[in-house]
């Protein structure tokens, strides 16, 4: 299957640079079968049924964006370096990380990048865009320094167009975030408020959390011409025994499983057996969902609007049908919906095949 099947024209002004305020005032496109219904997120309790279970990703975004300086060498001046942490390497106490670095080509093994007087990292290796960094602190000391000197890792397309604001640290975090580890937000969850959770409970819907730490690979473009040529990034997730039991009980009692975000859906599908029964799960997943995939565990999906040719648009096409999603996205563009991380949302009911 060719990647250009998932292309569409998206005007640049449809990509949101700021979040909706309040969070649940964002627009919500409800898609059931072939019908589109224009709503707002606070209408969600009216669209769910008693007994439905919303499954949310409780990952917490770490302040993974760092700004430092590579010391001058004999052959030139010091160089400003932007670092986005990607993945903590195992068995190092948090001292070693893979990271995006700009400009990576100005770094070499042995260089020291200084972020603050007490916070620095040595470059152990680097390739075209990434580097392996060993920091001068680990464990709780590293976490303290990162909290002091790191910044929210806004998506690159936002960071290129506006400066970070004091509000982004809160806005780019769900209100229920708990487990630290993501370098990008599970953005469908950004629309929820305590008041909305109260109204959902009053409507008879229930909630459960699972954890998938979102990696910066979510922003990487698909450069292959054929879908099968794209290598999906791996992300670490966990569903505990108690969480799995709650999800399975909801399904057994006739409730629908509603994944809040593609991250929740990907983890649920990774943990599901052929009958849709959720098993406890603690591992990395690189599941790549494209049209033709048979969904086993998820009945409905709440998700933001995704970019052309992206793996996430492929996923929603698999869930609700490619032609249906193309019509839905064309409607959303014409109707002024806002796309991507700080954009509006959709509620998709799975296509019956």
Protein backbone atom coordinates (compact mmCIF):
# COMPACT_ATOMS: atom_id res chain seq x y z
CA UNK A 1 0.00 0.00 0.00
CA UNK A 2 1.41 3.38 -1.00
CA UNK A 3 1.88 6.12 1.59
CA UNK A 4 0.35 8.72 -0.74
CA UNK A 5 -3.02 7.01 -0.26
CA UNK A 6 -3.02 8.83 3.09
CA UNK A 7 -2.20 12.26 1.72
CA UNK A 8 -4.58 15.23 1.81
CA UNK A 9 -4.35 19.00 1.59
CA UNK A 10 -4.11 20.64 5.01
CA UNK A 11 -3.95 24.46 5.07
CA UNK A 12 -1.22 25.62 7.43
CA UNK A 13 -3.63 27.84 9.34
CA UNK A 14 -5.60 24.76 10.42
CA UNK A 15 -2.70 23.58 12.61
CA UNK A 16 -3.26 24.87 16.15
CA UNK A 17 -0.43 26.72 17.88
CA UNK A 18 -2.33 27.27 21.15
CA UNK A 19 -4.72 25.05 23.13
CA UNK A 20 -8.43 25.61 23.57
CA UNK A 21 -9.41 27.35 26.81
CA UNK A 22 -11.06 25.93 28.76
CA UNK A 23 -9.82 22.52 27.71
CA UNK A 24 -13.25 20.96 27.18
CA UNK A 25 -14.40 23.81 24.93
CA UNK A 26 -12.48 22.25 22.02
CA UNK A 27 -14.63 21.06 19.13
CA UNK A 28 -15.49 17.36 18.77
CA UNK A 29 -16.42 15.68 15.50
CA UNK A 30 -18.51 12.60 16.25
CA UNK A 31 -18.30 9.98 13.51
CA UNK A 32 -20.75 7.10 13.63
CA UNK A 33 -20.98 5.09 10.43
CA UNK A 34 -21.17 7.59 7.58
CA UNK A 35 -22.69 10.41 9.68
CA UNK A 36 -20.76 13.43 10.98
CA UNK A 37 -21.98 15.38 14.00
CA UNK A 38 -20.34 18.65 15.05
CA UNK A 39 -20.06 18.85 18.83
CA UNK A 40 -17.75 20.13 21.56
CA UNK A 41 -15.74 17.98 23.97
CA UNK A 42 -17.99 18.81 26.92
CA UNK A 43 -20.77 16.97 25.00
CA UNK A 44 -18.89 13.69 25.46
CA UNK A 45 -21.17 12.40 28.28
CA UNK A 46 -24.12 12.68 25.88
CA UNK A 47 -22.36 10.49 23.29
CA UNK A 48 -21.40 7.61 25.58
CA UNK A 49 -23.55 4.89 27.10
CA UNK A 50 -23.86 3.78 30.73
CA UNK A 51 -21.23 1.12 31.30
CA UNK A 52 -18.79 2.42 28.68
CA UNK A 53 -15.18 2.50 29.89
CA UNK A 54 -12.83 5.27 28.82
CA UNK A 55 -9.21 4.12 28.92
CA UNK A 56 -6.75 6.99 29.35
CA UNK A 57 -2.97 7.18 29.19
CA UNK A 58 -1.66 8.59 32.49
CA UNK A 59 1.90 9.21 31.30
CA UNK A 60 3.45 12.47 32.47
CA UNK A 61 5.53 14.59 30.09
CA UNK A 62 9.00 15.30 31.42
CA UNK A 63 10.71 18.66 30.74
CA UNK A 64 12.76 17.03 28.01
CA UNK A 65 13.84 20.19 26.13
CA UNK A 66 17.27 21.49 27.12
CA UNK A 67 19.28 24.44 25.84
CA UNK A 68 23.03 24.29 26.24
CA UNK A 69 26.41 25.34 24.88
CA UNK A 70 29.19 23.22 23.46
CA UNK A 71 32.48 24.68 24.60
CA UNK A 72 34.73 26.31 22.02
CA UNK A 73 37.35 24.18 20.35
CA UNK A 74 40.70 25.37 19.08
CA UNK A 75 39.21 25.75 15.61
CA UNK A 76 36.22 27.96 16.43
CA UNK A 77 33.70 29.49 18.82
CA UNK A 78 31.28 27.93 21.26
CA UNK A 79 28.09 26.51 19.73
CA UNK A 80 24.53 26.76 21.08
CA UNK A 81 22.94 23.29 21.19
CA UNK A 82 19.26 22.37 21.52
CA UNK A 83 18.66 18.93 23.01
CA UNK A 84 15.40 16.97 23.15
CA UNK A 85 15.68 13.87 25.32
CA UNK A 86 14.28 10.79 23.61
CA UNK A 87 14.96 7.71 25.66
CA UNK A 88 16.62 6.92 28.95
CA UNK A 89 19.11 4.11 28.37
CA UNK A 90 18.78 1.14 30.74
CA UNK A 91 20.92 0.34 33.75
CA UNK A 92 22.47 3.79 34.01
CA UNK A 93 20.47 5.42 36.81
CA UNK A 94 19.20 7.97 34.31
CA UNK A 95 22.66 9.26 33.43
CA UNK A 96 22.69 8.20 29.75
CA UNK A 97 20.09 9.26 27.17
CA UNK A 98 19.47 9.13 23.47
CA UNK A 99 18.52 12.61 22.30
CA UNK A 100 17.82 14.74 19.28
CA UNK A 101 20.51 17.41 19.05
CA UNK A 102 20.66 20.53 16.91
CA UNK A 103 23.08 21.07 15.28
CA UNK A 104 24.21 17.45 15.66
CA UNK A 105 26.88 17.88 13.00
CA UNK A 106 28.70 20.33 15.29
CA UNK A 107 29.10 17.65 17.97
CA UNK A 108 31.60 14.82 18.28
CA UNK A 109 32.44 12.20 20.87
CA UNK A 110 34.06 13.75 23.92
CA UNK A 111 32.39 17.16 23.59
CA UNK A 112 30.81 18.62 26.74
CA UNK A 113 27.45 20.38 26.45
CA UNK A 114 26.74 22.62 29.44
CA UNK A 115 23.15 23.46 30.37
CA UNK A 116 23.85 25.16 33.71
CA UNK A 117 26.79 25.54 36.05
CA UNK A 118 25.85 22.27 37.78
CA UNK A 119 24.32 20.43 34.82
CA UNK A 120 26.22 19.11 31.79
CA UNK A 121 26.54 16.09 29.52
CA UNK A 122 29.33 14.44 27.57
CA UNK A 123 28.68 13.36 23.98
CA UNK A 124 29.45 9.65 23.75
CA UNK A 125 28.36 9.21 20.14
CA UNK A 126 26.22 10.88 17.52
CA UNK A 127 24.76 10.28 14.09
CA UNK A 128 22.97 12.56 11.63
CA UNK A 129 20.42 13.97 14.08
CA UNK A 130 20.80 12.10 17.37
CA UNK A 131 23.41 11.83 20.09
CA UNK A 132 24.10 9.60 23.07
CA UNK A 133 24.67 11.79 26.10
CA UNK A 134 26.09 10.92 29.52
CA UNK A 135 24.97 13.46 32.12
CA UNK A 136 26.91 14.42 35.22
CA UNK A 137 24.04 13.33 37.46
CA UNK A 138 21.80 10.31 37.80
CA UNK A 139 18.77 9.13 39.73
CA UNK A 140 17.03 11.71 41.90
CA UNK A 141 19.79 14.26 41.28
CA UNK A 142 19.22 14.05 37.53
CA UNK A 143 15.45 14.39 37.97
CA UNK A 144 15.97 17.47 40.15
CA UNK A 145 18.29 19.14 37.65
CA UNK A 146 16.04 18.30 34.70
CA UNK A 147 13.08 19.84 36.52
CA UNK A 148 15.12 22.96 37.21
CA UNK A 149 16.61 23.49 33.74
CA UNK A 150 14.41 21.56 31.30
CA UNK A 151 11.39 22.93 29.43
CA UNK A 152 8.24 21.32 27.98
CA UNK A 153 9.12 19.56 24.70
CA UNK A 154 6.59 21.28 22.47
CA UNK A 155 6.10 19.66 19.06
CA UNK A 156 8.70 20.97 16.60
CA UNK A 157 6.12 22.66 14.36
CA UNK A 158 4.95 24.78 17.34
CA UNK A 159 8.44 25.51 18.64
CA UNK A 160 9.47 26.81 15.20
CA UNK A 161 6.58 29.30 15.11
CA UNK A 162 6.31 30.73 18.60
CA UNK A 163 8.21 30.97 21.84
CA UNK A 164 7.48 28.77 24.82
CA UNK A 165 5.09 30.43 27.27
CA UNK A 166 4.66 29.98 31.01
CA UNK A 167 1.29 28.34 30.33
CA UNK A 168 2.71 25.53 28.18
CA UNK A 169 4.07 23.61 31.18
CA UNK A 170 0.47 23.10 32.34
CA UNK A 171 -1.34 23.12 28.98
CA UNK A 172 0.90 20.39 27.49
CA UNK A 173 0.06 17.98 30.32
CA UNK A 174 -3.14 16.09 31.02
CA UNK A 175 -4.88 16.85 34.32
CA UNK A 176 -4.52 13.17 35.30
CA UNK A 177 -0.84 12.70 34.35
CA UNK A 178 0.96 10.59 36.94
CA UNK A 179 3.73 8.34 35.56
CA UNK A 180 6.76 10.37 34.39
CA UNK A 181 8.39 9.29 31.15
CA UNK A 182 6.96 10.88 28.00
CA UNK A 183 8.64 13.41 25.73
CA UNK A 184 5.35 14.20 23.98
CA UNK A 185 1.84 14.51 25.37
CA UNK A 186 -0.99 12.01 24.77
CA UNK A 187 -2.90 14.88 23.25
CA UNK A 188 -6.47 13.54 23.15
CA UNK A 189 -6.31 13.60 26.93
CA UNK A 190 -5.51 17.32 27.02
CA UNK A 191 -9.23 18.05 26.56
CA UNK A 192 -10.35 16.55 29.87
CA UNK A 193 -11.14 18.57 32.99
CA UNK A 194 -12.18 17.52 36.52
CA UNK A 195 -15.66 18.84 35.76
CA UNK A 196 -15.91 16.70 32.63
CA UNK A 197 -14.87 13.60 34.60
CA UNK A 198 -17.63 14.35 37.10
CA UNK A 199 -20.23 14.60 34.35
CA UNK A 200 -18.98 11.38 32.76
CA UNK A 201 -19.43 9.52 36.05
CA UNK A 202 -22.92 10.98 36.44
CA UNK A 203 -23.76 9.70 32.94
CA UNK A 204 -22.70 6.18 33.92
CA UNK A 205 -19.38 6.07 32.06
CA UNK A 206 -16.32 4.85 33.89
CA UNK A 207 -12.59 5.46 33.49
CA UNK A 208 -9.39 3.47 33.84
CA UNK A 209 -5.79 4.51 33.24
CA UNK A 210 -2.90 2.65 31.63
CA UNK A 211 0.59 3.94 30.82
CA UNK A 212 2.39 4.36 27.50
CA UNK A 213 5.40 6.67 27.48
CA UNK A 214 5.19 8.65 24.24
CA UNK A 215 8.43 9.06 22.33
CA UNK A 216 9.52 11.84 20.02
CA UNK A 217 9.27 9.36 17.16
CA UNK A 218 5.61 10.34 17.04
CA UNK A 219 6.74 13.51 15.22
CA UNK A 220 8.94 11.76 12.66
CA UNK A 221 7.58 11.92 9.11
CA UNK A 222 6.96 8.82 7.02
CA UNK A 223 9.56 9.04 4.26
CA UNK A 224 9.02 5.62 2.66
CA UNK A 225 6.93 5.38 -0.50
CA UNK A 226 5.33 2.13 0.62
CA UNK A 227 3.68 1.72 4.03
CA UNK A 228 5.55 -1.52 4.67
CA UNK A 229 8.82 0.38 4.27
CA UNK A 230 8.24 2.50 7.40
CA UNK A 231 9.85 1.37 10.66
CA UNK A 232 7.63 2.19 13.64
CA UNK A 233 9.27 3.60 16.77
CA UNK A 234 9.02 1.55 19.97
CA UNK A 235 7.49 2.93 23.17
CA UNK A 236 7.33 1.45 26.67
CA UNK A 237 3.93 0.66 28.14
CA UNK A 238 2.33 -1.00 31.14
CA UNK A 239 -1.09 -2.43 31.94
CA UNK A 240 -1.22 -3.85 35.45
CA UNK A 241 -3.17 -6.93 36.46
CA UNK A 242 -5.79 -4.77 38.20
CA UNK A 243 -6.15 -2.48 35.18
CA UNK A 244 -6.54 -5.44 32.83
CA UNK A 245 -9.20 -6.93 35.12
CA UNK A 246 -11.15 -3.65 35.12
CA UNK A 247 -11.08 -3.42 31.31
CA UNK A 248 -12.08 -7.05 30.86
CA UNK A 249 -14.93 -6.69 33.37
CA UNK A 250 -16.31 -3.67 31.53
CA UNK A 251 -16.39 -5.60 28.27
CA UNK A 252 -17.90 -8.67 29.92
CA UNK A 253 -20.73 -6.54 31.32
CA UNK A 254 -21.58 -5.14 27.88
CA UNK A 255 -19.73 -1.82 28.06
CA UNK A 256 -17.74 -0.45 25.16
CA UNK A 257 -14.00 0.14 25.47
CA UNK A 258 -13.31 3.75 24.45
CA UNK A 259 -9.61 4.48 23.96
CA UNK A 260 -8.71 8.08 24.73
CA UNK A 261 -5.91 8.67 22.27
CA UNK A 262 -4.00 6.55 19.80
CA UNK A 263 -1.42 5.77 22.51
CA UNK A 264 -4.06 4.08 24.67
CA UNK A 265 -5.39 2.21 21.63
CA UNK A 266 -1.96 0.98 20.57
CA UNK A 267 -1.19 -0.30 24.06
CA UNK A 268 -4.58 -2.01 24.42
CA UNK A 269 -4.19 -3.74 21.07
CA UNK A 270 -0.65 -4.79 22.01
CA UNK A 271 -1.96 -6.43 25.19
CA UNK A 272 -5.07 -8.07 23.70
CA UNK A 273 -5.31 -11.72 22.76
CA UNK A 274 -7.22 -12.92 19.69
CA UNK A 275 -10.52 -12.79 21.59
CA UNK A 276 -9.93 -9.23 22.79
CA UNK A 277 -9.07 -10.25 26.36
CA UNK A 278 -6.53 -7.84 27.87
CA UNK A 279 -3.49 -9.43 29.48
CA UNK A 280 -1.16 -7.61 31.90
CA UNK A 281 1.59 -6.01 29.84
CA UNK A 282 4.98 -4.51 30.71
CA UNK A 283 7.16 -4.11 27.64
CA UNK A 284 7.92 -2.00 24.61
CA UNK A 285 5.52 -1.99 21.69
CA UNK A 286 6.14 -0.97 18.10
CA UNK A 287 2.70 -2.00 16.83
CA UNK A 288 1.96 -0.35 13.46
CA UNK A 289 -1.75 -0.25 12.67
CA UNK A 290 -2.79 0.28 9.06
CA UNK A 291 -5.94 -0.53 7.03
CA UNK A 292 -6.64 -4.25 7.10
CA UNK A 293 -5.77 -4.59 10.77
CA UNK A 294 -8.38 -6.48 12.82
CA UNK A 295 -9.09 -4.61 16.03
CA UNK A 296 -9.55 -6.90 19.00
CA UNK A 297 -10.16 -4.72 22.05
CA UNK A 298 -11.28 -1.17 21.23
CA UNK A 299 -14.81 -0.16 20.21
CA UNK A 300 -14.45 3.63 19.98
CA UNK A 301 -11.57 6.08 19.79
CA UNK A 302 -11.28 9.68 20.89
CA UNK A 303 -8.35 11.31 19.13
CA UNK A 304 -7.14 14.62 17.76
CA UNK A 305 -6.85 15.38 14.04
CA UNK A 306 -3.62 14.09 12.52
CA UNK A 307 -1.28 15.17 9.75
CA UNK A 308 -1.27 13.92 6.16
CA UNK A 309 0.81 10.80 5.44
CA UNK A 310 1.30 10.17 9.17
CA UNK A 311 1.16 6.80 10.92
CA UNK A 312 -1.64 8.18 13.10
CA UNK A 313 -3.82 9.06 10.11
CA UNK A 314 -3.18 5.52 8.85
CA UNK A 315 -4.38 4.23 12.23
CA UNK A 316 -7.67 6.17 12.18
CA UNK A 317 -8.25 5.04 8.59
CA UNK A 318 -7.82 1.46 9.77
CA UNK A 319 -10.29 2.09 12.58
CA UNK A 320 -13.10 3.88 10.72
CA UNK A 321 -12.35 3.31 7.02
CA UNK A 322 -10.01 5.22 4.72
CA UNK A 323 -12.63 6.85 2.50
CA UNK A 324 -14.81 7.68 5.49
CA UNK A 325 -11.90 9.35 7.28
CA UNK A 326 -10.92 11.31 4.18
CA UNK A 327 -14.48 12.66 3.99
CA UNK A 328 -14.46 13.40 7.72
CA UNK A 329 -11.15 15.27 7.48
CA UNK A 330 -12.35 17.24 4.44
CA UNK A 331 -15.42 18.23 6.46
CA UNK A 332 -13.24 19.18 9.43
CA UNK A 333 -10.99 21.37 7.27
CA UNK A 334 -13.94 23.11 5.62
CA UNK A 335 -15.62 23.61 9.01
CA UNK A 336 -12.54 25.18 10.58
CA UNK A 337 -11.52 22.42 12.99
CA UNK A 338 -8.02 22.82 14.46
CA UNK A 339 -5.48 20.06 13.85
CA UNK A 340 -2.72 18.27 15.71
CA UNK A 341 -1.42 18.41 19.29
CA UNK A 342 -3.23 21.53 20.53
CA UNK A 343 -6.13 21.04 18.13
CA UNK A 344 -9.69 19.78 18.30
CA UNK A 345 -10.84 16.19 18.76
CA UNK A 346 -12.89 13.48 17.11
CA UNK A 347 -14.87 10.57 18.52
CA UNK A 348 -14.76 7.62 16.14
CA UNK A 349 -16.91 4.53 16.40
CA UNK A 350 -15.18 1.52 14.91
CA UNK A 351 -16.24 0.49 11.42
CA UNK A 352 -18.06 -2.84 11.38
CA UNK A 353 -16.61 -5.18 8.76
